[in-house]
């Protein structure tokens, strides 16, 4: 992967995250790349399976790349309610 492609991926991750879409030329302009450099980097990332490019020059991260980069939640996707202690049961020693 080229230096421009690495910079483009890093900046896109910061700006839109894994689930958003973006214009490679606009994101590239924010990091100092010209439009041809940004488009070439996006094409190389598309060939590598990192990005999916639309005909209108919009890009989003491929589903395979999102799965690879997704942070696994150690609780199995369930979130605890804050401040909720739950019911006391006889086995927990609450009645003593």
PDB file of N, CA and C in Angstrom:
ATOM      1  N   UNK A   1       0.854  -1.175   0.000  1.00  0.00           N
ATOM      2  CA  UNK A   1       0.000   0.000   0.000  1.00  0.00           C
ATOM      3  C   UNK A   1       0.900   1.238   0.000  1.00  0.00           C
ATOM      4  N   UNK A   2       0.531   2.204  -0.790  1.00  0.00           N
ATOM      5  CA  UNK A   2       1.347   3.412  -0.893  1.00  0.00           C
ATOM      6  C   UNK A   2       1.152   4.311   0.323  1.00  0.00           C
ATOM      7  N   UNK A   3       2.065   5.248   0.476  1.00  0.00           N
ATOM      8  CA  UNK A   3       1.996   6.194   1.579  1.00  0.00           C
ATOM      9  C   UNK A   3       0.710   7.021   1.499  1.00  0.00           C
ATOM     10  N   UNK A   4       0.327   7.434   0.286  1.00  0.00           N
ATOM     11  CA  UNK A   4      -0.898   8.206   0.111  1.00  0.00           C
ATOM     12  C   UNK A   4      -2.121   7.392   0.515  1.00  0.00           C
ATOM     13  N   UNK A   5      -2.118   6.102   0.157  1.00  0.00           N
ATOM     14  CA  UNK A   5      -3.248   5.237   0.506  1.00  0.00           C
ATOM     15  C   UNK A   5      -3.364   5.074   2.024  1.00  0.00           C
ATOM     16  N   UNK A   6      -2.233   4.901   2.692  1.00  0.00           N
ATOM     17  CA  UNK A   6      -2.251   4.775   4.153  1.00  0.00           C
ATOM     18  C   UNK A   6      -2.764   6.051   4.804  1.00  0.00           C
ATOM     19  N   UNK A   7      -2.330   7.199   4.285  1.00  0.00           N
ATOM     20  CA  UNK A   7      -2.796   8.478   4.829  1.00  0.00           C
ATOM     21  C   UNK A   7      -4.293   8.658   4.591  1.00  0.00           C
ATOM     22  N   UNK A   8      -4.756   8.264   3.408  1.00  0.00           N
ATOM     23  CA  UNK A   8      -6.169   8.401   3.076  1.00  0.00           C
ATOM     24  C   UNK A   8      -7.033   7.537   3.988  1.00  0.00           C
ATOM     25  N   UNK A   9      -6.621   6.298   4.224  1.00  0.00           N
ATOM     26  CA  UNK A   9      -7.378   5.413   5.121  1.00  0.00           C
ATOM     27  C   UNK A   9      -7.412   5.977   6.531  1.00  0.00           C
ATOM     28  N   UNK A  10      -6.281   6.429   7.025  1.00  0.00           N
ATOM     29  CA  UNK A  10      -6.216   6.954   8.387  1.00  0.00           C
ATOM     30  C   UNK A  10      -7.117   8.180   8.548  1.00  0.00           C
ATOM     31  N   UNK A  11      -7.088   9.071   7.580  1.00  0.00           N
ATOM     32  CA  UNK A  11      -7.903  10.285   7.669  1.00  0.00           C
ATOM     33  C   UNK A  11      -9.391   9.965   7.528  1.00  0.00           C
ATOM     34  N   UNK A  12      -9.726   9.046   6.652  1.00  0.00           N
ATOM     35  CA  UNK A  12     -11.133   8.655   6.491  1.00  0.00           C
ATOM     36  C   UNK A  12     -11.665   8.000   7.760  1.00  0.00           C
ATOM     37  N   UNK A  13     -10.838   7.194   8.413  1.00  0.00           N
ATOM     38  CA  UNK A  13     -11.256   6.563   9.672  1.00  0.00           C
ATOM     39  C   UNK A  13     -11.531   7.625  10.731  1.00  0.00           C
ATOM     40  N   UNK A  14     -10.691   8.666  10.779  1.00  0.00           N
ATOM     41  CA  UNK A  14     -10.886   9.735  11.752  1.00  0.00           C
ATOM     42  C   UNK A  14     -12.145  10.533  11.458  1.00  0.00           C
ATOM     43  N   UNK A  15     -12.392  10.806  10.200  1.00  0.00           N
ATOM     44  CA  UNK A  15     -13.491  11.707   9.825  1.00  0.00           C
ATOM     45  C   UNK A  15     -14.846  11.021   9.768  1.00  0.00           C
ATOM     46  N   UNK A  16     -14.927   9.829   9.181  1.00  0.00           N
ATOM     47  CA  UNK A  16     -16.242   9.202   8.981  1.00  0.00           C
ATOM     48  C   UNK A  16     -16.406   7.871   9.693  1.00  0.00           C
ATOM     49  N   UNK A  17     -15.328   7.274  10.174  1.00  0.00           N
ATOM     50  CA  UNK A  17     -15.435   5.976  10.832  1.00  0.00           C
ATOM     51  C   UNK A  17     -15.623   4.857   9.823  1.00  0.00           C
ATOM     52  N   UNK A  18     -15.875   3.667  10.324  1.00  0.00           N
ATOM     53  CA  UNK A  18     -16.000   2.504   9.451  1.00  0.00           C
ATOM     54  C   UNK A  18     -17.309   2.469   8.679  1.00  0.00           C
ATOM     55  N   UNK A  19     -18.360   3.055   9.230  1.00  0.00           N
ATOM     56  CA  UNK A  19     -19.671   2.922   8.617  1.00  0.00           C
ATOM     57  C   UNK A  19     -20.062   4.029   7.668  1.00  0.00           C
ATOM     58  N   UNK A  20     -19.296   5.089   7.576  1.00  0.00           N
ATOM     59  CA  UNK A  20     -19.688   6.229   6.754  1.00  0.00           C
ATOM     60  C   UNK A  20     -19.135   6.174   5.348  1.00  0.00           C
ATOM     61  N   UNK A  21     -19.683   7.020   4.502  1.00  0.00           N
ATOM     62  CA  UNK A  21     -19.140   7.151   3.151  1.00  0.00           C
ATOM     63  C   UNK A  21     -18.471   8.519   3.033  1.00  0.00           C
ATOM     64  N   UNK A  22     -17.605   8.643   2.059  1.00  0.00           N
ATOM     65  CA  UNK A  22     -16.827   9.867   1.917  1.00  0.00           C
ATOM     66  C   UNK A  22     -16.358  10.026   0.486  1.00  0.00           C
ATOM     67  N   UNK A  23     -15.910  11.226   0.186  1.00  0.00           N
ATOM     68  CA  UNK A  23     -15.311  11.521  -1.109  1.00  0.00           C
ATOM     69  C   UNK A  23     -13.797  11.461  -0.945  1.00  0.00           C
ATOM     70  N   UNK A  24     -13.122  10.527  -1.610  1.00  0.00           N
ATOM     71  CA  UNK A  24     -11.674  10.423  -1.463  1.00  0.00           C
ATOM     72  C   UNK A  24     -10.934  11.707  -1.828  1.00  0.00           C
ATOM     73  N   UNK A  25     -11.430  12.451  -2.815  1.00  0.00           N
ATOM     74  CA  UNK A  25     -10.732  13.683  -3.199  1.00  0.00           C
ATOM     75  C   UNK A  25     -10.868  14.748  -2.116  1.00  0.00           C
ATOM     76  N   UNK A  26     -12.026  14.820  -1.439  1.00  0.00           N
ATOM     77  CA  UNK A  26     -12.198  15.799  -0.362  1.00  0.00           C
ATOM     78  C   UNK A  26     -11.369  15.433   0.861  1.00  0.00           C
ATOM     79  N   UNK A  27     -11.371  14.159   1.223  1.00  0.00           N
ATOM     80  CA  UNK A  27     -10.565  13.717   2.366  1.00  0.00           C
ATOM     81  C   UNK A  27      -9.092  13.879   2.052  1.00  0.00           C
ATOM     82  N   UNK A  28      -8.694  13.550   0.833  1.00  0.00           N
ATOM     83  CA  UNK A  28      -7.309  13.717   0.422  1.00  0.00           C
ATOM     84  C   UNK A  28      -6.860  15.166   0.442  1.00  0.00           C
ATOM     85  N   UNK A  29      -7.768  16.074   0.067  1.00  0.00           N
ATOM     86  CA  UNK A  29      -7.436  17.499   0.082  1.00  0.00           C
ATOM     87  C   UNK A  29      -7.156  17.979   1.503  1.00  0.00           C
ATOM     88  N   UNK A  30      -7.833  17.394   2.492  1.00  0.00           N
ATOM     89  CA  UNK A  30      -7.623  17.788   3.891  1.00  0.00           C
ATOM     90  C   UNK A  30      -6.222  17.421   4.385  1.00  0.00           C
ATOM     91  N   UNK A  31      -5.627  16.403   3.758  1.00  0.00           N
ATOM     92  CA  UNK A  31      -4.290  15.962   4.191  1.00  0.00           C
ATOM     93  C   UNK A  31      -3.199  16.364   3.204  1.00  0.00           C
ATOM     94  N   UNK A  32      -3.557  17.216   2.234  1.00  0.00           N
ATOM     95  CA  UNK A  32      -2.555  17.751   1.334  1.00  0.00           C
ATOM     96  C   UNK A  32      -2.328  16.973   0.054  1.00  0.00           C
ATOM     97  N   UNK A  33      -3.226  16.064  -0.304  1.00  0.00           N
ATOM     98  CA  UNK A  33      -3.096  15.321  -1.555  1.00  0.00           C
ATOM     99  C   UNK A  33      -3.862  16.042  -2.660  1.00  0.00           C
ATOM    100  N   UNK A  34      -3.348  15.947  -3.865  1.00  0.00           N
ATOM    101  CA  UNK A  34      -4.074  16.498  -5.005  1.00  0.00           C
ATOM    102  C   UNK A  34      -5.209  15.541  -5.373  1.00  0.00           C
ATOM    103  N   UNK A  35      -6.120  16.008  -6.221  1.00  0.00           N
ATOM    104  CA  UNK A  35      -7.243  15.161  -6.621  1.00  0.00           C
ATOM    105  C   UNK A  35      -6.774  13.885  -7.325  1.00  0.00           C
ATOM    106  N   UNK A  36      -5.832  13.958  -8.289  1.00  0.00           N
ATOM    107  CA  UNK A  36      -5.351  12.716  -8.918  1.00  0.00           C
ATOM    108  C   UNK A  36      -4.665  11.763  -7.928  1.00  0.00           C
ATOM    109  N   UNK A  37      -3.903  12.324  -6.981  1.00  0.00           N
ATOM    110  CA  UNK A  37      -3.266  11.464  -5.972  1.00  0.00           C
ATOM    111  C   UNK A  37      -4.311  10.762  -5.117  1.00  0.00           C
ATOM    112  N   UNK A  38      -5.337  11.494  -4.710  1.00  0.00           N
ATOM    113  CA  UNK A  38      -6.399  10.923  -3.881  1.00  0.00           C
ATOM    114  C   UNK A  38      -7.159   9.842  -4.622  1.00  0.00           C
ATOM    115  N   UNK A  39      -7.471  10.103  -5.882  1.00  0.00           N
ATOM    116  CA  UNK A  39      -8.207   9.118  -6.667  1.00  0.00           C
ATOM    117  C   UNK A  39      -7.368   7.881  -6.946  1.00  0.00           C
ATOM    118  N   UNK A  40      -6.085   8.053  -7.193  1.00  0.00           N
ATOM    119  CA  UNK A  40      -5.197   6.907  -7.409  1.00  0.00           C
ATOM    120  C   UNK A  40      -5.078   6.071  -6.132  1.00  0.00           C
ATOM    121  N   UNK A  41      -4.968   6.745  -4.980  1.00  0.00           N
ATOM    122  CA  UNK A  41      -4.893   6.027  -3.704  1.00  0.00           C
ATOM    123  C   UNK A  41      -6.191   5.272  -3.454  1.00  0.00           C
ATOM    124  N   UNK A  42      -7.327   5.890  -3.764  1.00  0.00           N
ATOM    125  CA  UNK A  42      -8.619   5.234  -3.574  1.00  0.00           C
ATOM    126  C   UNK A  42      -8.759   4.026  -4.494  1.00  0.00           C
ATOM    127  N   UNK A  43      -8.284   4.131  -5.722  1.00  0.00           N
ATOM    128  CA  UNK A  43      -8.340   2.989  -6.643  1.00  0.00           C
ATOM    129  C   UNK A  43      -7.466   1.840  -6.150  1.00  0.00           C
ATOM    130  N   UNK A  44      -6.290   2.164  -5.634  1.00  0.00           N
ATOM    131  CA  UNK A  44      -5.424   1.092  -5.121  1.00  0.00           C
ATOM    132  C   UNK A  44      -6.042   0.446  -3.878  1.00  0.00           C
ATOM    133  N   UNK A  45      -6.701   1.244  -3.043  1.00  0.00           N
ATOM    134  CA  UNK A  45      -7.388   0.680  -1.880  1.00  0.00           C
ATOM    135  C   UNK A  45      -8.583  -0.168  -2.296  1.00  0.00           C
ATOM    136  N   UNK A  46      -9.234   0.235  -3.372  1.00  0.00           N
ATOM    137  CA  UNK A  46     -10.342  -0.563  -3.891  1.00  0.00           C
ATOM    138  C   UNK A  46      -9.833  -1.891  -4.437  1.00  0.00           C
ATOM    139  N   UNK A  47      -8.725  -1.864  -5.146  1.00  0.00           N
ATOM    140  CA  UNK A  47      -8.132  -3.100  -5.673  1.00  0.00           C
ATOM    141  C   UNK A  47      -7.679  -4.026  -4.555  1.00  0.00           C
ATOM    142  N   UNK A  48      -7.293  -3.444  -3.421  1.00  0.00           N
ATOM    143  CA  UNK A  48      -6.847  -4.248  -2.274  1.00  0.00           C
ATOM    144  C   UNK A  48      -8.018  -4.754  -1.430  1.00  0.00           C
ATOM    145  N   UNK A  49      -9.248  -4.330  -1.755  1.00  0.00           N
ATOM    146  CA  UNK A  49     -10.416  -4.795  -1.014  1.00  0.00           C
ATOM    147  C   UNK A  49     -10.733  -3.986   0.233  1.00  0.00           C
ATOM    148  N   UNK A  50     -10.111  -2.818   0.369  1.00  0.00           N
ATOM    149  CA  UNK A  50     -10.348  -1.975   1.546  1.00  0.00           C
ATOM    150  C   UNK A  50     -11.545  -1.062   1.319  1.00  0.00           C
ATOM    151  N   UNK A  51     -11.636  -0.469   0.132  1.00  0.00           N
ATOM    152  CA  UNK A  51     -12.720   0.457  -0.186  1.00  0.00           C
ATOM    153  C   UNK A  51     -13.610  -0.098  -1.285  1.00  0.00           C
ATOM    154  N   UNK A  52     -14.852   0.367  -1.293  1.00  0.00           N
ATOM    155  CA  UNK A  52     -15.768   0.139  -2.402  1.00  0.00           C
ATOM    156  C   UNK A  52     -16.039   1.509  -2.994  1.00  0.00           C
ATOM    157  N   UNK A  53     -15.741   1.651  -4.284  1.00  0.00           N
ATOM    158  CA  UNK A  53     -15.916   2.936  -4.953  1.00  0.00           C
ATOM    159  C   UNK A  53     -17.195   2.933  -5.768  1.00  0.00           C
ATOM    160  N   UNK A  54     -17.942   4.029  -5.674  1.00  0.00           N
ATOM    161  CA  UNK A  54     -19.137   4.203  -6.485  1.00  0.00           C
ATOM    162  C   UNK A  54     -18.795   4.931  -7.768  1.00  0.00           C
ATOM    163  N   UNK A  55     -19.728   4.925  -8.715  1.00  0.00           N
ATOM    164  CA  UNK A  55     -19.473   5.601  -9.983  1.00  0.00           C
ATOM    165  C   UNK A  55     -19.407   7.109  -9.819  1.00  0.00           C
ATOM    166  N   UNK A  56     -19.952   7.628  -8.716  1.00  0.00           N
ATOM    167  CA  UNK A  56     -19.957   9.066  -8.472  1.00  0.00           C
ATOM    168  C   UNK A  56     -18.776   9.516  -7.610  1.00  0.00           C
ATOM    169  N   UNK A  57     -17.737   8.699  -7.535  1.00  0.00           N
ATOM    170  CA  UNK A  57     -16.510   8.970  -6.777  1.00  0.00           C
ATOM    171  C   UNK A  57     -16.727   8.957  -5.263  1.00  0.00           C
ATOM    172  N   UNK A  58     -17.816   8.398  -4.808  1.00  0.00           N
ATOM    173  CA  UNK A  58     -18.014   8.209  -3.370  1.00  0.00           C
ATOM    174  C   UNK A  58     -17.382   6.882  -2.983  1.00  0.00           C
ATOM    175  N   UNK A  59     -16.924   6.791  -1.740  1.00  0.00           N
ATOM    176  CA  UNK A  59     -16.281   5.572  -1.270  1.00  0.00           C
ATOM    177  C   UNK A  59     -16.807   5.218   0.104  1.00  0.00           C
ATOM    178  N   UNK A  60     -16.804   3.928   0.389  1.00  0.00           N
ATOM    179  CA  UNK A  60     -17.050   3.453   1.739  1.00  0.00           C
ATOM    180  C   UNK A  60     -16.201   2.212   1.961  1.00  0.00           C
ATOM    181  N   UNK A  61     -15.996   1.886   3.231  1.00  0.00           N
ATOM    182  CA  UNK A  61     -15.162   0.732   3.547  1.00  0.00           C
ATOM    183  C   UNK A  61     -15.911  -0.548   3.216  1.00  0.00           C
ATOM    184  N   UNK A  62     -15.198  -1.521   2.686  1.00  0.00           N
ATOM    185  CA  UNK A  62     -15.821  -2.789   2.312  1.00  0.00           C
ATOM    186  C   UNK A  62     -16.272  -3.535   3.563  1.00  0.00           C
ATOM    187  N   UNK A  63     -17.235  -4.420   3.385  1.00  0.00           N
ATOM    188  CA  UNK A  63     -17.749  -5.173   4.531  1.00  0.00           C
ATOM    189  C   UNK A  63     -16.663  -6.071   5.127  1.00  0.00           C
ATOM    190  N   UNK A  64     -15.806  -6.616   4.290  1.00  0.00           N
ATOM    191  CA  UNK A  64     -14.713  -7.446   4.806  1.00  0.00           C
ATOM    192  C   UNK A  64     -13.753  -6.625   5.655  1.00  0.00           C
ATOM    193  N   UNK A  65     -13.448  -5.402   5.209  1.00  0.00           N
ATOM    194  CA  UNK A  65     -12.548  -4.538   5.974  1.00  0.00           C
ATOM    195  C   UNK A  65     -13.198  -4.103   7.280  1.00  0.00           C
ATOM    196  N   UNK A  66     -14.503  -3.802   7.233  1.00  0.00           N
ATOM    197  CA  UNK A  66     -15.204  -3.418   8.466  1.00  0.00           C
ATOM    198  C   UNK A  66     -15.196  -4.562   9.470  1.00  0.00           C
ATOM    199  N   UNK A  67     -15.415  -5.774   8.995  1.00  0.00           N
ATOM    200  CA  UNK A  67     -15.386  -6.934   9.898  1.00  0.00           C
ATOM    201  C   UNK A  67     -13.996  -7.123  10.488  1.00  0.00           C
ATOM    202  N   UNK A  68     -12.984  -6.914   9.680  1.00  0.00           N
ATOM    203  CA  UNK A  68     -11.607  -7.074  10.131  1.00  0.00           C
ATOM    204  C   UNK A  68     -11.240  -6.038  11.177  1.00  0.00           C
ATOM    205  N   UNK A  69     -11.680  -4.795  10.988  1.00  0.00           N
ATOM    206  CA  UNK A  69     -11.299  -3.690  11.868  1.00  0.00           C
ATOM    207  C   UNK A  69     -12.253  -3.460  13.035  1.00  0.00           C
ATOM    208  N   UNK A  70     -13.414  -4.106  13.024  1.00  0.00           N
ATOM    209  CA  UNK A  70     -14.404  -3.873  14.075  1.00  0.00           C
ATOM    210  C   UNK A  70     -13.848  -4.314  15.420  1.00  0.00           C
ATOM    211  N   UNK A  71     -14.105  -3.501  16.421  1.00  0.00           N
ATOM    212  CA  UNK A  71     -13.668  -3.818  17.781  1.00  0.00           C
ATOM    213  C   UNK A  71     -14.704  -4.744  18.392  1.00  0.00           C
ATOM    214  N   UNK A  72     -14.257  -5.855  18.879  1.00  0.00           N
ATOM    215  CA  UNK A  72     -15.159  -6.819  19.499  1.00  0.00           C
ATOM    216  C   UNK A  72     -15.520  -6.356  20.896  1.00  0.00           C
ATOM    217  N   UNK A  73     -16.815  -6.396  21.212  1.00  0.00           N
ATOM    218  CA  UNK A  73     -17.291  -6.032  22.545  1.00  0.00           C
ATOM    219  C   UNK A  73     -17.144  -7.265  23.436  1.00  0.00           C
ATOM    220  N   UNK A  74     -16.368  -7.174  24.519  1.00  0.00           N
ATOM    221  CA  UNK A  74     -16.140  -8.346  25.360  1.00  0.00           C
ATOM    222  C   UNK A  74     -17.397  -8.856  26.060  1.00  0.00           C
ATOM    223  N   UNK A  75     -18.429  -8.046  26.180  1.00  0.00           N
ATOM    224  CA  UNK A  75     -19.645  -8.479  26.857  1.00  0.00           C
ATOM    225  C   UNK A  75     -20.612  -9.160  25.900  1.00  0.00           C
ATOM    226  N   UNK A  76     -20.206  -9.398  24.684  1.00  0.00           N
ATOM    227  CA  UNK A  76     -21.057 -10.089  23.729  1.00  0.00           C
ATOM    228  C   UNK A  76     -22.139  -9.212  23.130  1.00  0.00           C
ATOM    229  N   UNK A  77     -21.955  -7.915  23.139  1.00  0.00           N
ATOM    230  CA  UNK A  77     -22.909  -7.017  22.536  1.00  0.00           C
ATOM    231  C   UNK A  77     -23.986  -6.527  23.488  1.00  0.00           C
ATOM    232  N   UNK A  78     -24.020  -7.030  24.696  1.00  0.00           N
ATOM    233  CA  UNK A  78     -25.012  -6.585  25.662  1.00  0.00           C
ATOM    234  C   UNK A  78     -24.420  -5.488  26.519  1.00  0.00           C
ATOM    235  N   UNK A  79     -25.204  -4.444  26.734  1.00  0.00           N
ATOM    236  CA  UNK A  79     -24.742  -3.331  27.552  1.00  0.00           C
ATOM    237  C   UNK A  79     -25.455  -3.357  28.889  1.00  0.00           C
ATOM    238  N   UNK A  80     -24.716  -3.042  29.930  1.00  0.00           N
ATOM    239  CA  UNK A  80     -25.310  -2.977  31.255  1.00  0.00           C
ATOM    240  C   UNK A  80     -25.935  -1.613  31.476  1.00  0.00           C
ATOM    241  N   UNK A  81     -27.028  -1.614  32.226  1.00  0.00           N
ATOM    242  CA  UNK A  81     -27.650  -0.347  32.601  1.00  0.00           C
ATOM    243  C   UNK A  81     -26.845   0.254  33.743  1.00  0.00           C
ATOM    244  N   UNK A  82     -26.538   1.535  33.622  1.00  0.00           N
ATOM    245  CA  UNK A  82     -25.754   2.185  34.667  1.00  0.00           C
ATOM    246  C   UNK A  82     -26.619   2.425  35.899  1.00  0.00           C
ATOM    247  N   UNK A  83     -26.050   2.172  37.060  1.00  0.00           N
ATOM    248  CA  UNK A  83     -26.735   2.457  38.309  1.00  0.00           C
ATOM    249  C   UNK A  83     -27.746   1.415  38.709  1.00  0.00           C
ATOM    250  N   UNK A  84     -27.943   0.392  37.917  1.00  0.00           N
ATOM    251  CA  UNK A  84     -28.915  -0.649  38.250  1.00  0.00           C
ATOM    252  C   UNK A  84     -28.194  -1.796  38.936  1.00  0.00           C
ATOM    253  N   UNK A  85     -28.612  -2.088  40.146  1.00  0.00           N
ATOM    254  CA  UNK A  85     -27.945  -3.141  40.918  1.00  0.00           C
ATOM    255  C   UNK A  85     -28.642  -4.478  40.787  1.00  0.00           C
ATOM    256  N   UNK A  86     -29.851  -4.527  40.312  1.00  0.00           N
ATOM    257  CA  UNK A  86     -30.564  -5.775  40.146  1.00  0.00           C
ATOM    258  C   UNK A  86     -31.243  -6.201  41.421  1.00  0.00           C
ATOM    259  N   UNK A  87     -32.010  -7.297  41.311  1.00  0.00           N
ATOM    260  CA  UNK A  87     -32.726  -7.821  42.488  1.00  0.00           C
ATOM    261  C   UNK A  87     -31.788  -8.627  43.355  1.00  0.00           C
ATOM    262  N   UNK A  88     -32.028  -8.555  44.638  1.00  0.00           N
ATOM    263  CA  UNK A  88     -31.262  -9.386  45.569  1.00  0.00           C
ATOM    264  C   UNK A  88     -31.912 -10.760  45.623  1.00  0.00           C
ATOM    265  N   UNK A  89     -31.101 -11.789  45.616  1.00  0.00           N
ATOM    266  CA  UNK A  89     -31.634 -13.146  45.701  1.00  0.00           C
ATOM    267  C   UNK A  89     -31.108 -13.797  46.966  1.00  0.00           C
ATOM    268  N   UNK A  90     -31.717 -14.914  47.317  1.00  0.00           N
ATOM    269  CA  UNK A  90     -31.319 -15.608  48.544  1.00  0.00           C
ATOM    270  C   UNK A  90     -29.880 -16.098  48.436  1.00  0.00           C
ATOM    271  N   UNK A  91     -29.434 -16.451  47.241  1.00  0.00           N
ATOM    272  CA  UNK A  91     -28.078 -16.957  47.089  1.00  0.00           C
ATOM    273  C   UNK A  91     -27.038 -15.857  47.165  1.00  0.00           C
ATOM    274  N   UNK A  92     -27.447 -14.594  47.014  1.00  0.00           N
ATOM    275  CA  UNK A  92     -26.478 -13.515  47.044  1.00  0.00           C
ATOM    276  C   UNK A  92     -26.192 -13.022  48.469  1.00  0.00           C
ATOM    277  N   UNK A  93     -26.937 -13.542  49.448  1.00  0.00           N
ATOM    278  CA  UNK A  93     -26.697 -13.149  50.827  1.00  0.00           C
ATOM    279  C   UNK A  93     -27.342 -11.826  51.199  1.00  0.00           C
ATOM    280  N   UNK A  94     -28.371 -11.414  50.475  1.00  0.00           N
ATOM    281  CA  UNK A  94     -28.983 -10.131  50.732  1.00  0.00           C
ATOM    282  C   UNK A  94     -29.855 -10.142  51.983  1.00  0.00           C
ATOM    283  N   UNK A  95     -30.337 -11.318  52.409  1.00  0.00           N
ATOM    284  CA  UNK A  95     -31.236 -11.389  53.546  1.00  0.00           C
ATOM    285  C   UNK A  95     -30.522 -11.573  54.880  1.00  0.00           C
ATOM    286  N   UNK A  96     -29.237 -11.516  54.916  1.00  0.00           N
ATOM    287  CA  UNK A  96     -28.505 -11.799  56.151  1.00  0.00           C
ATOM    288  C   UNK A  96     -28.224 -10.577  56.940  1.00  0.00           C
TER     289      UNK A  96
END
